[in-house]
């Protein structure tokens, strides 16, 4: 774990040894989450650019969505979360 903290995460050796194992694990978890968010952001920007490039060439009357170009594994999680939010709001505020 010291190799990851110092070599990959950029922590000093002194800072690494001053932490408890639980603290180091929490920091590592957050570092991984940040890297994952950065990875997703880069792919989302790439898909957006592809969408902007291809949009003028779509068939008339057909809407081109970014997910028509490429679907990422996290797209399903986002759709599921949206559906859960809609269902929660329906239960709370009614179908109206």
C-alpha atoms as a PDB file:
ATOM      1  CA  UNK A   1       0.000   0.000   0.000  1.00  0.00           C
ATOM      2  CA  UNK A   2       2.944   2.323   0.628  1.00  0.00           C
ATOM      3  CA  UNK A   3       4.034   1.883  -2.982  1.00  0.00           C
ATOM      4  CA  UNK A   4       0.618   2.972  -4.229  1.00  0.00           C
ATOM      5  CA  UNK A   5       0.436   5.926  -1.848  1.00  0.00           C
ATOM      6  CA  UNK A   6       3.894   7.229  -2.666  1.00  0.00           C
ATOM      7  CA  UNK A   7       4.388   6.005  -6.227  1.00  0.00           C
ATOM      8  CA  UNK A   8       0.949   6.563  -7.712  1.00  0.00           C
ATOM      9  CA  UNK A   9      -0.946   8.890  -5.418  1.00  0.00           C
ATOM     10  CA  UNK A  10       2.006  11.248  -4.877  1.00  0.00           C
ATOM     11  CA  UNK A  11       1.945  11.244  -1.082  1.00  0.00           C
ATOM     12  CA  UNK A  12       5.152  11.740   0.829  1.00  0.00           C
ATOM     13  CA  UNK A  13       6.586   8.802   2.719  1.00  0.00           C
ATOM     14  CA  UNK A  14       6.269  10.732   5.980  1.00  0.00           C
ATOM     15  CA  UNK A  15       2.578  11.489   5.354  1.00  0.00           C
ATOM     16  CA  UNK A  16       1.909   7.881   4.407  1.00  0.00           C
ATOM     17  CA  UNK A  17       3.453   6.499   7.592  1.00  0.00           C
ATOM     18  CA  UNK A  18       1.612   9.054   9.741  1.00  0.00           C
ATOM     19  CA  UNK A  19      -1.770   7.617   8.723  1.00  0.00           C
ATOM     20  CA  UNK A  20      -3.622   4.651  10.125  1.00  0.00           C
ATOM     21  CA  UNK A  21      -4.460   1.831   7.731  1.00  0.00           C
ATOM     22  CA  UNK A  22      -8.136   2.855   7.711  1.00  0.00           C
ATOM     23  CA  UNK A  23      -7.236   6.464   6.880  1.00  0.00           C
ATOM     24  CA  UNK A  24      -4.937   5.336   4.089  1.00  0.00           C
ATOM     25  CA  UNK A  25      -7.635   3.030   2.717  1.00  0.00           C
ATOM     26  CA  UNK A  26     -10.175   5.898   2.725  1.00  0.00           C
ATOM     27  CA  UNK A  27      -7.740   8.202   0.939  1.00  0.00           C
ATOM     28  CA  UNK A  28      -7.002   5.491  -1.617  1.00  0.00           C
ATOM     29  CA  UNK A  29     -10.725   4.891  -2.204  1.00  0.00           C
ATOM     30  CA  UNK A  30     -11.291   8.591  -2.859  1.00  0.00           C
ATOM     31  CA  UNK A  31      -8.242   8.749  -5.126  1.00  0.00           C
ATOM     32  CA  UNK A  32      -9.627   5.840  -7.164  1.00  0.00           C
ATOM     33  CA  UNK A  33     -13.036   7.545  -7.388  1.00  0.00           C
ATOM     34  CA  UNK A  34     -11.365  10.718  -8.670  1.00  0.00           C
ATOM     35  CA  UNK A  35      -9.436   8.760 -11.295  1.00  0.00           C
ATOM     36  CA  UNK A  36     -12.638   6.989 -12.390  1.00  0.00           C
ATOM     37  CA  UNK A  37     -14.481  10.312 -12.672  1.00  0.00           C
ATOM     38  CA  UNK A  38     -11.640  11.731 -14.767  1.00  0.00           C
ATOM     39  CA  UNK A  39     -11.693   8.631 -16.998  1.00  0.00           C
ATOM     40  CA  UNK A  40     -15.442   8.955 -17.544  1.00  0.00           C
ATOM     41  CA  UNK A  41     -15.160  12.679 -18.187  1.00  0.00           C
ATOM     42  CA  UNK A  42     -12.607  12.123 -20.938  1.00  0.00           C
ATOM     43  CA  UNK A  43     -14.789   9.522 -22.650  1.00  0.00           C
ATOM     44  CA  UNK A  44     -17.881  11.703 -22.306  1.00  0.00           C
ATOM     45  CA  UNK A  45     -16.040  14.597 -23.990  1.00  0.00           C
ATOM     46  CA  UNK A  46     -14.928  12.293 -26.801  1.00  0.00           C
ATOM     47  CA  UNK A  47     -18.494  11.086 -27.322  1.00  0.00           C
ATOM     48  CA  UNK A  48     -19.757  14.681 -27.291  1.00  0.00           C
ATOM     49  CA  UNK A  49     -17.263  15.666 -29.990  1.00  0.00           C
ATOM     50  CA  UNK A  50     -18.286  12.667 -32.090  1.00  0.00           C
ATOM     51  CA  UNK A  51     -21.935  13.635 -31.614  1.00  0.00           C
ATOM     52  CA  UNK A  52     -21.245  17.213 -32.739  1.00  0.00           C
ATOM     53  CA  UNK A  53     -19.326  15.942 -35.758  1.00  0.00           C
ATOM     54  CA  UNK A  54     -21.991  13.454 -36.853  1.00  0.00           C
ATOM     55  CA  UNK A  55     -25.133  15.492 -36.101  1.00  0.00           C
ATOM     56  CA  UNK A  56     -25.192  17.385 -39.423  1.00  0.00           C
ATOM     57  CA  UNK A  57     -25.224  14.052 -41.287  1.00  0.00           C
ATOM     58  CA  UNK A  58     -28.187  12.447 -39.518  1.00  0.00           C
ATOM     59  CA  UNK A  59     -31.302  11.520 -41.480  1.00  0.00           C
ATOM     60  CA  UNK A  60     -34.010  14.164 -41.523  1.00  0.00           C
ATOM     61  CA  UNK A  61     -36.507  13.781 -38.731  1.00  0.00           C
ATOM     62  CA  UNK A  62     -34.257  11.432 -36.789  1.00  0.00           C
ATOM     63  CA  UNK A  63     -32.757  12.661 -33.547  1.00  0.00           C
ATOM     64  CA  UNK A  64     -29.168  11.562 -32.963  1.00  0.00           C
ATOM     65  CA  UNK A  65     -28.390  10.977 -29.303  1.00  0.00           C
ATOM     66  CA  UNK A  66     -24.881  10.621 -27.912  1.00  0.00           C
ATOM     67  CA  UNK A  67     -25.740   7.111 -26.742  1.00  0.00           C
ATOM     68  CA  UNK A  68     -26.501   6.179 -30.374  1.00  0.00           C
ATOM     69  CA  UNK A  69     -22.809   6.671 -31.099  1.00  0.00           C
ATOM     70  CA  UNK A  70     -21.397   4.676 -28.203  1.00  0.00           C
ATOM     71  CA  UNK A  71     -22.816   3.346 -24.940  1.00  0.00           C
ATOM     72  CA  UNK A  72     -20.642   3.196 -21.861  1.00  0.00           C
ATOM     73  CA  UNK A  73     -21.087   0.773 -18.958  1.00  0.00           C
ATOM     74  CA  UNK A  74     -21.992   3.651 -16.637  1.00  0.00           C
ATOM     75  CA  UNK A  75     -24.870   4.796 -18.903  1.00  0.00           C
ATOM     76  CA  UNK A  76     -27.043   1.958 -17.591  1.00  0.00           C
ATOM     77  CA  UNK A  77     -26.384   3.010 -13.996  1.00  0.00           C
ATOM     78  CA  UNK A  78     -27.374   6.610 -14.785  1.00  0.00           C
ATOM     79  CA  UNK A  79     -30.602   5.496 -16.490  1.00  0.00           C
ATOM     80  CA  UNK A  80     -31.478   3.248 -13.541  1.00  0.00           C
ATOM     81  CA  UNK A  81     -30.854   6.114 -11.109  1.00  0.00           C
ATOM     82  CA  UNK A  82     -33.104   8.417 -13.164  1.00  0.00           C
ATOM     83  CA  UNK A  83     -35.891   5.834 -13.147  1.00  0.00           C
ATOM     84  CA  UNK A  84     -35.546   5.420  -9.387  1.00  0.00           C
ATOM     85  CA  UNK A  85     -35.772   9.200  -8.924  1.00  0.00           C
ATOM     86  CA  UNK A  86     -38.905   9.383 -11.077  1.00  0.00           C
ATOM     87  CA  UNK A  87     -40.552   6.552  -9.163  1.00  0.00           C
ATOM     88  CA  UNK A  88     -39.620   8.156  -5.842  1.00  0.00           C
ATOM     89  CA  UNK A  89     -41.120  11.495  -6.935  1.00  0.00           C
ATOM     90  CA  UNK A  90     -44.309   9.758  -8.141  1.00  0.00           C
ATOM     91  CA  UNK A  91     -44.699   8.070  -4.771  1.00  0.00           C
ATOM     92  CA  UNK A  92     -44.060  11.302  -2.904  1.00  0.00           C
ATOM     93  CA  UNK A  93     -46.040  13.748  -5.041  1.00  0.00           C
ATOM     94  CA  UNK A  94     -48.485  11.495  -6.904  1.00  0.00           C
ATOM     95  CA  UNK A  95     -48.859  10.744 -10.601  1.00  0.00           C
ATOM     96  CA  UNK A  96     -50.253  14.243 -11.354  1.00  0.00           C
END
